[in-house]
PDB file of N, CA and C in Angstrom:
ATOM      1  N   MET A   1      68.644 132.399 150.581  1.00  0.00           N
ATOM      2  CA  MET A   1      68.507 132.013 149.194  1.00  0.00           C
ATOM      3  C   MET A   1      68.922 130.555 149.049  1.00  0.00           C
ATOM      4  N   PRO A   2      68.371 129.869 148.052  1.00  0.00           N
ATOM      5  CA  PRO A   2      68.698 128.451 147.917  1.00  0.00           C
ATOM      6  C   PRO A   2      70.173 128.241 147.578  1.00  0.00           C
ATOM      7  N   TYR A   3      70.684 127.168 148.057  1.00  0.00           N
ATOM      8  CA  TYR A   3      72.067 126.819 147.753  1.00  0.00           C
ATOM      9  C   TYR A   3      72.165 126.290 146.324  1.00  0.00           C
ATOM     10  N   VAL A   4      73.343 126.328 145.751  1.00  0.00           N
ATOM     11  CA  VAL A   4      73.555 125.795 144.413  1.00  0.00           C
ATOM     12  C   VAL A   4      73.265 124.299 144.460  1.00  0.00           C
ATOM     13  N   GLY A   5      72.407 123.833 143.604  1.00  0.00           N
ATOM     14  CA  GLY A   5      72.054 122.415 143.581  1.00  0.00           C
ATOM     15  C   GLY A   5      70.748 122.089 144.284  1.00  0.00           C
ATOM     16  N   ALA A   6      70.070 123.078 144.844  1.00  0.00           N
ATOM     17  CA  ALA A   6      68.815 122.818 145.573  1.00  0.00           C
ATOM     18  C   ALA A   6      67.757 122.210 144.665  1.00  0.00           C
ATOM     19  N   VAL A   7      67.626 122.738 143.462  1.00  0.00           N
ATOM     20  CA  VAL A   7      66.605 122.223 142.541  1.00  0.00           C
ATOM     21  C   VAL A   7      66.895 120.769 142.193  1.00  0.00           C
ATOM     22  N   GLU A   8      68.146 120.460 141.925  1.00  0.00           N
ATOM     23  CA  GLU A   8      68.496 119.070 141.611  1.00  0.00           C
ATOM     24  C   GLU A   8      68.249 118.158 142.824  1.00  0.00           C
ATOM     25  N   ASP A   9      68.513 118.648 144.032  1.00  0.00           N
ATOM     26  CA  ASP A   9      68.221 117.849 145.223  1.00  0.00           C
ATOM     27  C   ASP A   9      66.720 117.593 145.360  1.00  0.00           C
ATOM     28  N   PHE A  10      65.882 118.583 145.026  1.00  0.00           N
ATOM     29  CA  PHE A  10      64.428 118.351 145.036  1.00  0.00           C
ATOM     30  C   PHE A  10      64.047 117.291 144.006  1.00  0.00           C
ATOM     31  N   ARG A  11      64.653 117.352 142.845  1.00  0.00           N
ATOM     32  CA  ARG A  11      64.364 116.338 141.813  1.00  0.00           C
ATOM     33  C   ARG A  11      64.778 114.950 142.286  1.00  0.00           C
ATOM     34  N   THR A  12      65.924 114.872 142.935  1.00  0.00           N
ATOM     35  CA  THR A  12      66.401 113.586 143.456  1.00  0.00           C
ATOM     36  C   THR A  12      65.438 113.045 144.505  1.00  0.00           C
ATOM     37  N   ILE A  13      64.978 113.897 145.389  1.00  0.00           N
ATOM     38  CA  ILE A  13      64.017 113.480 146.427  1.00  0.00           C
ATOM     39  C   ILE A  13      62.721 112.997 145.780  1.00  0.00           C
ATOM     40  N   ARG A  14      62.265 113.719 144.753  1.00  0.00           N
ATOM     41  CA  ARG A  14      61.041 113.329 144.056  1.00  0.00           C
ATOM     42  C   ARG A  14      61.178 111.934 143.437  1.00  0.00           C
ATOM     43  N   ARG A  15      62.385 111.577 143.016  1.00  0.00           N
ATOM     44  CA  ARG A  15      62.641 110.243 142.455  1.00  0.00           C
ATOM     45  C   ARG A  15      62.926 109.219 143.560  1.00  0.00           C
ATOM     46  N   LEU A  16      62.742 109.631 144.825  1.00  0.00           N
ATOM     47  CA  LEU A  16      62.983 108.782 146.000  1.00  0.00           C
ATOM     48  C   LEU A  16      64.462 108.454 146.180  1.00  0.00           C
ATOM     49  N   GLY A  17      65.332 109.324 145.666  1.00  0.00           N
ATOM     50  CA  GLY A  17      66.768 109.156 145.841  1.00  0.00           C
ATOM     51  C   GLY A  17      67.262 109.912 147.063  1.00  0.00           C
ATOM     52  N   THR A  18      68.559 109.843 147.283  1.00  0.00           N
ATOM     53  CA  THR A  18      69.182 110.538 148.405  1.00  0.00           C
ATOM     54  C   THR A  18      69.837 111.818 147.896  1.00  0.00           C
ATOM     55  N   PRO A  19      69.397 112.977 148.384  1.00  0.00           N
ATOM     56  CA  PRO A  19      69.975 114.237 147.909  1.00  0.00           C
ATOM     57  C   PRO A  19      71.381 114.445 148.463  1.00  0.00           C
ATOM     58  N   LYS A  20      72.143 115.307 147.792  1.00  0.00           N
ATOM     59  CA  LYS A  20      73.475 115.655 148.302  1.00  0.00           C
ATOM     60  C   LYS A  20      73.350 116.463 149.586  1.00  0.00           C
ATOM     61  N   GLN A  21      72.309 117.274 149.663  1.00  0.00           N
ATOM     62  CA  GLN A  21      72.033 118.086 150.850  1.00  0.00           C
ATOM     63  C   GLN A  21      70.519 118.131 151.019  1.00  0.00           C
ATOM     64  N   VAL A  22      70.029 118.134 152.235  1.00  0.00           N
ATOM     65  CA  VAL A  22      68.589 118.193 152.467  1.00  0.00           C
ATOM     66  C   VAL A  22      68.145 119.657 152.425  1.00  0.00           C
ATOM     67  N   PRO A  23      67.278 119.993 151.468  1.00  0.00           N
ATOM     68  CA  PRO A  23      66.813 121.379 151.381  1.00  0.00           C
ATOM     69  C   PRO A  23      65.933 121.754 152.580  1.00  0.00           C
ATOM     70  N   CYS A  24      65.996 123.009 152.952  1.00  0.00           N
ATOM     71  CA  CYS A  24      65.156 123.525 154.033  1.00  0.00           C
ATOM     72  C   CYS A  24      63.836 123.991 153.427  1.00  0.00           C
ATOM     73  N   VAL A  25      62.747 123.328 153.810  1.00  0.00           N
ATOM     74  CA  VAL A  25      61.412 123.687 153.338  1.00  0.00           C
ATOM     75  C   VAL A  25      60.571 123.949 154.569  1.00  0.00           C
ATOM     76  N   ALA A  26      60.131 125.166 154.720  1.00  0.00           N
ATOM     77  CA  ALA A  26      59.371 125.515 155.914  1.00  0.00           C
ATOM     78  C   ALA A  26      57.962 125.946 155.543  1.00  0.00           C
ATOM     79  N   GLN A  27      56.985 125.344 156.175  1.00  0.00           N
ATOM     80  CA  GLN A  27      55.615 125.841 156.074  1.00  0.00           C
ATOM     81  C   GLN A  27      55.432 126.699 157.330  1.00  0.00           C
ATOM     82  N   SER A  28      56.013 127.862 157.254  1.00  0.00           N
ATOM     83  CA  SER A  28      56.179 128.682 158.449  1.00  0.00           C
ATOM     84  C   SER A  28      55.491 130.031 158.340  1.00  0.00           C
ATOM     85  N   GLU A  29      54.556 130.134 157.410  1.00  0.00           N
ATOM     86  CA  GLU A  29      53.964 131.426 157.094  1.00  0.00           C
ATOM     87  C   GLU A  29      53.465 132.193 158.317  1.00  0.00           C
ATOM     88  N   GLU A  30      52.659 131.565 159.147  1.00  0.00           N
ATOM     89  CA  GLU A  30      52.112 132.271 160.309  1.00  0.00           C
ATOM     90  C   GLU A  30      53.226 132.717 161.258  1.00  0.00           C
ATOM     91  N   CYS A  31      54.214 131.846 161.450  1.00  0.00           N
ATOM     92  CA  CYS A  31      55.343 132.201 162.319  1.00  0.00           C
ATOM     93  C   CYS A  31      56.160 133.334 161.718  1.00  0.00           C
ATOM     94  N   ASP A  32      56.342 133.315 160.399  1.00  0.00           N
ATOM     95  CA  ASP A  32      57.116 134.365 159.749  1.00  0.00           C
ATOM     96  C   ASP A  32      56.404 135.716 159.837  1.00  0.00           C
ATOM     97  N   VAL A  33      55.088 135.704 159.704  1.00  0.00           N
ATOM     98  CA  VAL A  33      54.331 136.954 159.836  1.00  0.00           C
ATOM     99  C   VAL A  33      54.479 137.499 161.256  1.00  0.00           C
ATOM    100  N   LYS A  34      54.369 136.625 162.244  1.00  0.00           N
ATOM    101  CA  LYS A  34      54.521 137.035 163.647  1.00  0.00           C
ATOM    102  C   LYS A  34      55.944 137.551 163.897  1.00  0.00           C
ATOM    103  N   TRP A  35      56.951 136.825 163.381  1.00  0.00           N
ATOM    104  CA  TRP A  35      58.353 137.256 163.539  1.00  0.00           C
ATOM    105  C   TRP A  35      58.562 138.634 162.929  1.00  0.00           C
ATOM    106  N   TYR A  36      58.023 138.857 161.721  1.00  0.00           N
ATOM    107  CA  TYR A  36      58.230 140.125 161.022  1.00  0.00           C
ATOM    108  C   TYR A  36      57.648 141.280 161.831  1.00  0.00           C
ATOM    109  N   GLY A  37      56.500 141.065 162.441  1.00  0.00           N
ATOM    110  CA  GLY A  37      55.955 142.001 163.415  1.00  0.00           C
ATOM    111  C   GLY A  37      55.316 143.270 162.883  1.00  0.00           C
ATOM    112  N   LYS A  38      55.218 143.434 161.596  1.00  0.00           N
ATOM    113  CA  LYS A  38      54.681 144.676 161.047  1.00  0.00           C
ATOM    114  C   LYS A  38      53.176 144.587 160.762  1.00  0.00           C
ATOM    115  N   TYR A  39      52.670 143.375 160.525  1.00  0.00           N
ATOM    116  CA  TYR A  39      51.261 143.179 160.179  1.00  0.00           C
ATOM    117  C   TYR A  39      50.692 142.015 160.979  1.00  0.00           C
ATOM    118  N   CYS A  40      49.400 142.057 161.221  1.00  0.00           N
ATOM    119  CA  CYS A  40      48.736 140.858 161.729  1.00  0.00           C
ATOM    120  C   CYS A  40      48.496 139.947 160.526  1.00  0.00           C
ATOM    121  N   TYR A  41      48.174 138.697 160.773  1.00  0.00           N
ATOM    122  CA  TYR A  41      48.018 137.740 159.677  1.00  0.00           C
ATOM    123  C   TYR A  41      46.890 138.137 158.721  1.00  0.00           C
ATOM    124  N   GLU A  42      45.770 138.590 159.256  1.00  0.00           N
ATOM    125  CA  GLU A  42      44.628 138.961 158.412  1.00  0.00           C
ATOM    126  C   GLU A  42      44.995 140.106 157.469  1.00  0.00           C
ATOM    127  N   GLU A  43      45.746 141.057 157.948  1.00  0.00           N
ATOM    128  CA  GLU A  43      46.195 142.179 157.104  1.00  0.00           C
ATOM    129  C   GLU A  43      47.188 141.683 156.042  1.00  0.00           C
ATOM    130  N   PHE A  44      48.106 140.829 156.451  1.00  0.00           N
ATOM    131  CA  PHE A  44      49.116 140.250 155.557  1.00  0.00           C
ATOM    132  C   PHE A  44      48.470 139.484 154.405  1.00  0.00           C
ATOM    133  N   CYS A  45      47.497 138.636 154.715  1.00  0.00           N
ATOM    134  CA  CYS A  45      46.968 137.721 153.708  1.00  0.00           C
ATOM    135  C   CYS A  45      46.072 138.404 152.676  1.00  0.00           C
ATOM    136  N   GLN A  46      45.814 139.677 152.817  1.00  0.00           N
ATOM    137  CA  GLN A  46      44.956 140.379 151.867  1.00  0.00           C
ATOM    138  C   GLN A  46      45.724 141.323 150.948  1.00  0.00           C
ATOM    139  N   SER A  47      47.041 141.254 150.964  1.00  0.00           N
ATOM    140  CA  SER A  47      47.837 142.172 150.148  1.00  0.00           C
ATOM    141  C   SER A  47      49.048 141.456 149.542  1.00  0.00           C
ATOM    142  N   GLY A  48      49.083 141.404 148.219  1.00  0.00           N
ATOM    143  CA  GLY A  48      50.227 140.795 147.546  1.00  0.00           C
ATOM    144  C   GLY A  48      51.537 141.486 147.887  1.00  0.00           C
ATOM    145  N   ASP A  49      51.493 142.813 148.030  1.00  0.00           N
ATOM    146  CA  ASP A  49      52.710 143.548 148.382  1.00  0.00           C
ATOM    147  C   ASP A  49      53.205 143.168 149.774  1.00  0.00           C
ATOM    148  N   LYS A  50      52.295 143.014 150.722  1.00  0.00           N
ATOM    149  CA  LYS A  50      52.692 142.642 152.094  1.00  0.00           C
ATOM    150  C   LYS A  50      53.181 141.205 152.138  1.00  0.00           C
ATOM    151  N   ILE A  51      52.542 140.321 151.376  1.00  0.00           N
ATOM    152  CA  ILE A  51      52.991 138.932 151.307  1.00  0.00           C
ATOM    153  C   ILE A  51      54.431 138.892 150.787  1.00  0.00           C
ATOM    154  N   SER A  52      54.682 139.604 149.721  1.00  0.00           N
ATOM    155  CA  SER A  52      56.026 139.646 149.148  1.00  0.00           C
ATOM    156  C   SER A  52      57.039 140.244 150.121  1.00  0.00           C
ATOM    157  N   GLU A  53      56.648 141.298 150.791  1.00  0.00           N
ATOM    158  CA  GLU A  53      57.541 141.958 151.759  1.00  0.00           C
ATOM    159  C   GLU A  53      57.938 141.019 152.896  1.00  0.00           C
ATOM    160  N   VAL A  54      56.943 140.362 153.480  1.00  0.00           N
ATOM    161  CA  VAL A  54      57.197 139.467 154.615  1.00  0.00           C
ATOM    162  C   VAL A  54      58.011 138.254 154.175  1.00  0.00           C
ATOM    163  N   TRP A  55      57.611 137.624 153.058  1.00  0.00           N
ATOM    164  CA  TRP A  55      58.330 136.438 152.599  1.00  0.00           C
ATOM    165  C   TRP A  55      59.764 136.768 152.211  1.00  0.00           C
ATOM    166  N   SER A  56      59.972 137.895 151.542  1.00  0.00           N
ATOM    167  CA  SER A  56      61.341 138.278 151.171  1.00  0.00           C
ATOM    168  C   SER A  56      62.213 138.438 152.414  1.00  0.00           C
ATOM    169  N   ALA A  57      61.672 139.080 153.437  1.00  0.00           N
ATOM    170  CA  ALA A  57      62.432 139.270 154.682  1.00  0.00           C
ATOM    171  C   ALA A  57      62.713 137.929 155.368  1.00  0.00           C
ATOM    172  N   ALA A  58      61.717 137.044 155.416  1.00  0.00           N
ATOM    173  CA  ALA A  58      61.895 135.749 156.080  1.00  0.00           C
ATOM    174  C   ALA A  58      62.889 134.869 155.333  1.00  0.00           C
ATOM    175  N   ILE A  59      62.822 134.884 154.012  1.00  0.00           N
ATOM    176  CA  ILE A  59      63.761 134.086 153.217  1.00  0.00           C
ATOM    177  C   ILE A  59      65.196 134.555 153.471  1.00  0.00           C
ATOM    178  N   GLN A  60      65.385 135.858 153.517  1.00  0.00           N
ATOM    179  CA  GLN A  60      66.719 136.398 153.796  1.00  0.00           C
ATOM    180  C   GLN A  60      67.178 136.048 155.218  1.00  0.00           C
ATOM    181  N   GLU A  61      66.292 136.232 156.181  1.00  0.00           N
ATOM    182  CA  GLU A  61      66.654 136.012 157.595  1.00  0.00           C
ATOM    183  C   GLU A  61      66.932 134.552 157.911  1.00  0.00           C
ATOM    184  N   PHE A  62      66.068 133.651 157.420  1.00  0.00           N
ATOM    185  CA  PHE A  62      66.147 132.246 157.813  1.00  0.00           C
ATOM    186  C   PHE A  62      66.777 131.347 156.744  1.00  0.00           C
ATOM    187  N   ASP A  63      67.162 131.951 155.605  1.00  0.00           N
ATOM    188  CA  ASP A  63      67.880 131.234 154.554  1.00  0.00           C
ATOM    189  C   ASP A  63      67.102 130.024 154.044  1.00  0.00           C
ATOM    190  N   TYR A  64      65.786 130.204 153.830  1.00  0.00           N
ATOM    191  CA  TYR A  64      64.965 129.116 153.284  1.00  0.00           C
ATOM    192  C   TYR A  64      65.423 128.779 151.873  1.00  0.00           C
ATOM    193  N   ASP A  65      65.361 127.506 151.525  1.00  0.00           N
ATOM    194  CA  ASP A  65      65.654 127.069 150.168  1.00  0.00           C
ATOM    195  C   ASP A  65      64.387 127.065 149.315  1.00  0.00           C
ATOM    196  N   TRP A  66      63.241 127.059 149.975  1.00  0.00           N
ATOM    197  CA  TRP A  66      61.966 127.014 149.267  1.00  0.00           C
ATOM    198  C   TRP A  66      60.935 127.716 150.131  1.00  0.00           C
ATOM    199  N   ALA A  67      60.133 128.579 149.541  1.00  0.00           N
ATOM    200  CA  ALA A  67      59.085 129.284 150.285  1.00  0.00           C
ATOM    201  C   ALA A  67      57.727 128.739 149.867  1.00  0.00           C
ATOM    202  N   TRP A  68      56.945 128.331 150.824  1.00  0.00           N
ATOM    203  CA  TRP A  68      55.630 127.766 150.567  1.00  0.00           C
ATOM    204  C   TRP A  68      54.603 128.824 150.954  1.00  0.00           C
ATOM    205  N   VAL A  69      54.068 129.510 149.962  1.00  0.00           N
ATOM    206  CA  VAL A  69      53.091 130.568 150.213  1.00  0.00           C
ATOM    207  C   VAL A  69      51.701 129.981 150.047  1.00  0.00           C
ATOM    208  N   GLN A  70      50.955 129.936 151.128  1.00  0.00           N
ATOM    209  CA  GLN A  70      49.582 129.425 151.116  1.00  0.00           C
ATOM    210  C   GLN A  70      48.786 130.326 152.050  1.00  0.00           C
ATOM    211  N   ILE A  71      48.104 131.295 151.475  1.00  0.00           N
ATOM    212  CA  ILE A  71      47.528 132.335 152.313  1.00  0.00           C
ATOM    213  C   ILE A  71      46.095 132.103 152.758  1.00  0.00           C
ATOM    214  N   ASP A  72      45.353 131.232 152.085  1.00  0.00           N
ATOM    215  CA  ASP A  72      43.937 131.127 152.433  1.00  0.00           C
ATOM    216  C   ASP A  72      43.400 129.777 151.998  1.00  0.00           C
ATOM    217  N   ASP A  73      43.078 128.921 152.948  1.00  0.00           N
ATOM    218  CA  ASP A  73      42.489 127.625 152.632  1.00  0.00           C
ATOM    219  C   ASP A  73      41.006 127.740 152.315  1.00  0.00           C
ATOM    220  N   CYS A  74      40.450 128.925 152.422  1.00  0.00           N
ATOM    221  CA  CYS A  74      38.997 129.089 152.303  1.00  0.00           C
ATOM    222  C   CYS A  74      38.554 129.771 151.020  1.00  0.00           C
ATOM    223  N   PHE A  75      39.488 130.117 150.135  1.00  0.00           N
ATOM    224  CA  PHE A  75      39.100 130.927 148.983  1.00  0.00           C
ATOM    225  C   PHE A  75      38.061 130.265 148.095  1.00  0.00           C
ATOM    226  N   GLU A  76      38.003 128.937 148.052  1.00  0.00           N
ATOM    227  CA  GLU A  76      37.001 128.275 147.219  1.00  0.00           C
ATOM    228  C   GLU A  76      35.619 128.261 147.868  1.00  0.00           C
ATOM    229  N   PHE A  77      35.549 128.484 149.180  1.00  0.00           N
ATOM    230  CA  PHE A  77      34.263 128.466 149.879  1.00  0.00           C
ATOM    231  C   PHE A  77      33.620 129.849 149.968  1.00  0.00           C
ATOM    232  N   GLU A  78      34.414 130.874 150.039  1.00  0.00           N
ATOM    233  CA  GLU A  78      33.898 132.239 150.206  1.00  0.00           C
ATOM    234  C   GLU A  78      32.929 132.649 149.095  1.00  0.00           C
ATOM    235  N   PRO A  79      33.226 132.372 147.807  1.00  0.00           N
ATOM    236  CA  PRO A  79      32.276 132.760 146.752  1.00  0.00           C
ATOM    237  C   PRO A  79      30.937 131.998 146.824  1.00  0.00           C
ATOM    238  N   LEU A  80      30.928 130.872 147.531  1.00  0.00           N
ATOM    239  CA  LEU A  80      29.693 130.093 147.692  1.00  0.00           C
ATOM    240  C   LEU A  80      28.822 130.638 148.817  1.00  0.00           C
ATOM    241  N   GLY A  81      29.316 131.673 149.491  1.00  0.00           N
ATOM    242  CA  GLY A  81      28.550 132.285 150.574  1.00  0.00           C
ATOM    243  C   GLY A  81      28.786 131.660 151.934  1.00  0.00           C
ATOM    244  N   ILE A  82      29.766 130.779 152.047  1.00  0.00           N
ATOM    245  CA  ILE A  82      30.082 130.161 153.336  1.00  0.00           C
ATOM    246  C   ILE A  82      30.949 131.138 154.118  1.00  0.00           C
ATOM    247  N   ASP A  83      30.552 131.409 155.333  1.00  0.00           N
ATOM    248  CA  ASP A  83      31.276 132.350 156.181  1.00  0.00           C
ATOM    249  C   ASP A  83      32.656 131.787 156.518  1.00  0.00           C
ATOM    250  N   CYS A  84      33.678 132.602 156.346  1.00  0.00           N
ATOM    251  CA  CYS A  84      35.064 132.208 156.622  1.00  0.00           C
ATOM    252  C   CYS A  84      35.720 133.303 157.460  1.00  0.00           C
ATOM    253  N   PRO A  85      35.319 133.398 158.731  1.00  0.00           N
ATOM    254  CA  PRO A  85      35.851 134.487 159.551  1.00  0.00           C
ATOM    255  C   PRO A  85      37.327 134.303 159.878  1.00  0.00           C
ATOM    256  N   GLY A  86      37.966 135.424 160.054  1.00  0.00           N
ATOM    257  CA  GLY A  86      39.346 135.478 160.504  1.00  0.00           C
ATOM    258  C   GLY A  86      39.600 136.908 160.940  1.00  0.00           C
ATOM    259  N   ARG A  87      40.418 137.081 161.951  1.00  0.00           N
ATOM    260  CA  ARG A  87      40.735 138.447 162.372  1.00  0.00           C
ATOM    261  C   ARG A  87      42.077 138.437 163.093  1.00  0.00           C
ATOM    262  N   ASP A  88      42.742 139.543 162.997  1.00  0.00           N
ATOM    263  CA  ASP A  88      44.052 139.703 163.631  1.00  0.00           C
ATOM    264  C   ASP A  88      44.958 138.529 163.272  1.00  0.00           C
ATOM    265  N   ASN A  89      45.367 137.726 164.254  1.00  0.00           N
ATOM    266  CA  ASN A  89      46.233 136.580 163.989  1.00  0.00           C
ATOM    267  C   ASN A  89      45.489 135.258 164.088  1.00  0.00           C
ATOM    268  N   ILE A  90      44.163 135.306 164.041  1.00  0.00           N
ATOM    269  CA  ILE A  90      43.358 134.084 164.005  1.00  0.00           C
ATOM    270  C   ILE A  90      43.071 133.794 162.535  1.00  0.00           C
ATOM    271  N   LEU A  91      43.531 132.647 162.060  1.00  0.00           N
ATOM    272  CA  LEU A  91      43.419 132.320 160.649  1.00  0.00           C
ATOM    273  C   LEU A  91      41.962 132.068 160.251  1.00  0.00           C
ATOM    274  N   ARG A  92      41.666 132.308 158.990  1.00  0.00           N
ATOM    275  CA  ARG A  92      40.337 132.064 158.462  1.00  0.00           C
ATOM    276  C   ARG A  92      39.986 130.590 158.534  1.00  0.00           C
ATOM    277  N   ALA A  93      38.720 130.322 158.765  1.00  0.00           N
ATOM    278  CA  ALA A  93      38.233 128.952 158.790  1.00  0.00           C
ATOM    279  C   ALA A  93      36.765 128.963 158.361  1.00  0.00           C
ATOM    280  N   THR A  94      36.348 127.890 157.698  1.00  0.00           N
ATOM    281  CA  THR A  94      34.943 127.822 157.291  1.00  0.00           C
ATOM    282  C   THR A  94      34.064 127.706 158.528  1.00  0.00           C
ATOM    283  N   HIS A  95      32.899 128.361 158.439  1.00  0.00           N
ATOM    284  CA  HIS A  95      31.992 128.394 159.578  1.00  0.00           C
ATOM    285  C   HIS A  95      30.571 128.474 159.029  1.00  0.00           C
ATOM    286  N   GLY A  96      29.744 127.580 159.436  1.00  0.00           N
ATOM    287  CA  GLY A  96      28.364 127.614 158.982  1.00  0.00           C
ATOM    288  C   GLY A  96      28.165 126.753 157.745  1.00  0.00           C
ATOM    289  N   THR A  97      27.047 126.985 157.085  1.00  0.00           N
ATOM    290  CA  THR A  97      26.718 126.186 155.895  1.00  0.00           C
ATOM    291  C   THR A  97      26.328 127.080 154.745  1.00  0.00           C
TER     292      THR A  97
END
């Protein structure tokens, strides 16, 4: 869980100041899913309940101050009919035209 003052330290950083403590910000989603070990990434990214379960466990285990949830870089392309394959622990990516 974030330490007391984490939000103010983020505000200070945004103003290009020096924070009292450097917050831990991890873009570690794929690693956290693998660490959790209960779901493959493709299964994880299709369920809000699984996303919440995995992130809650990772935040507790690794004491993140901020969780960056970004599950699919392709969601804007899929409705256009662009193929965005992904399976198991291979992340989705645009493919074709």
